[in-house]
């Protein structure tokens, strides 16, 4: 309501806050995904992923662990934003 005042409520009939909470959750999820992708690219450029190939674990284990951790973090943050908002 600070940026557009009552314009959103006049046009749609609903408070602008109803659209801001999902938007904040979406932006938070996108930011988390971008940070995770940048981290994976840095690990690849540093050679960490190629070093995993000589370790006696499945090749996808490190990548899947990173993706799972990022997914859980994004879900938790989204749930917190939805509960608070």
Protein backbone atom coordinates (compact mmCIF):
# COMPACT_ATOMS: atom_id res chain seq x y z
CA UNK A 1 0.00 0.00 0.00
CA UNK A 2 2.96 2.32 0.40
CA UNK A 3 4.04 2.36 -3.25
CA UNK A 4 0.69 2.52 -5.05
CA UNK A 5 -1.53 3.63 -2.19
CA UNK A 6 -5.13 2.53 -2.68
CA UNK A 7 -4.90 2.22 -6.47
CA UNK A 8 -4.63 -1.58 -6.44
CA UNK A 9 -7.61 -1.87 -4.11
CA UNK A 10 -9.68 0.47 -6.28
CA UNK A 11 -8.89 -1.47 -9.46
CA UNK A 12 -9.13 -5.05 -8.18
CA UNK A 13 -11.30 -4.71 -5.11
CA UNK A 14 -8.70 -6.49 -2.98
CA UNK A 15 -5.82 -5.21 -0.90
CA UNK A 16 -2.44 -5.17 -2.62
CA UNK A 17 -0.99 -7.21 0.24
CA UNK A 18 -2.73 -10.34 -1.08
CA UNK A 19 -0.48 -10.24 -4.13
CA UNK A 20 2.70 -9.18 -2.38
CA UNK A 21 3.09 -12.25 -0.15
CA UNK A 22 3.15 -14.78 -3.04
CA UNK A 23 5.40 -12.41 -4.99
CA UNK A 24 7.89 -12.26 -2.12
CA UNK A 25 7.80 -16.07 -1.86
CA UNK A 26 8.40 -16.38 -5.61
CA UNK A 27 11.30 -13.93 -5.57
CA UNK A 28 12.80 -15.71 -2.56
CA UNK A 29 12.59 -19.06 -4.34
CA UNK A 30 14.11 -17.65 -7.52
CA UNK A 31 16.93 -16.02 -5.57
CA UNK A 32 17.66 -19.29 -3.80
CA UNK A 33 17.73 -21.15 -7.10
CA UNK A 34 20.10 -18.61 -8.65
CA UNK A 35 22.44 -18.76 -5.65
CA UNK A 36 22.47 -22.56 -5.87
CA UNK A 37 23.21 -22.48 -9.59
CA UNK A 38 26.06 -20.01 -9.12
CA UNK A 39 27.50 -22.23 -6.38
CA UNK A 40 27.42 -25.28 -8.64
CA UNK A 41 29.10 -23.35 -11.47
CA UNK A 42 31.84 -22.16 -9.11
CA UNK A 43 32.40 -25.72 -7.90
CA UNK A 44 32.64 -26.89 -11.51
CA UNK A 45 35.09 -24.12 -12.43
CA UNK A 46 37.22 -24.85 -9.36
CA UNK A 47 37.42 -28.51 -10.36
CA UNK A 48 35.56 -29.85 -7.34
CA UNK A 49 33.02 -31.78 -9.40
CA UNK A 50 35.75 -33.49 -11.45
CA UNK A 51 37.51 -34.49 -8.22
CA UNK A 52 34.33 -36.25 -7.13
CA UNK A 53 34.79 -38.65 -10.06
CA UNK A 54 37.76 -40.36 -8.37
CA UNK A 55 35.94 -40.75 -5.04
CA UNK A 56 34.20 -44.13 -4.58
CA UNK A 57 30.66 -42.68 -4.61
CA UNK A 58 28.12 -42.28 -7.36
CA UNK A 59 28.98 -39.39 -9.68
CA UNK A 60 25.64 -37.71 -9.19
CA UNK A 61 25.71 -37.94 -5.38
CA UNK A 62 27.35 -34.56 -4.79
CA UNK A 63 25.16 -32.76 -7.29
CA UNK A 64 21.97 -34.38 -6.03
CA UNK A 65 22.89 -33.58 -2.43
CA UNK A 66 23.43 -29.93 -3.34
CA UNK A 67 20.18 -29.74 -5.29
CA UNK A 68 18.23 -31.44 -2.49
CA UNK A 69 19.66 -29.08 0.13
CA UNK A 70 18.79 -26.05 -2.00
CA UNK A 71 15.28 -27.36 -2.62
CA UNK A 72 14.67 -27.92 1.09
CA UNK A 73 16.00 -24.45 1.90
CA UNK A 74 13.73 -22.83 -0.71
CA UNK A 75 10.67 -24.72 0.57
CA UNK A 76 11.37 -23.76 4.19
CA UNK A 77 11.88 -20.10 3.31
CA UNK A 78 8.70 -20.07 1.22
CA UNK A 79 6.70 -21.63 4.06
CA UNK A 80 8.05 -19.06 6.52
CA UNK A 81 7.13 -16.18 4.20
CA UNK A 82 3.63 -17.60 3.65
CA UNK A 83 3.06 -18.10 7.40
CA UNK A 84 4.32 -14.64 8.33
CA UNK A 85 2.49 -12.90 5.48
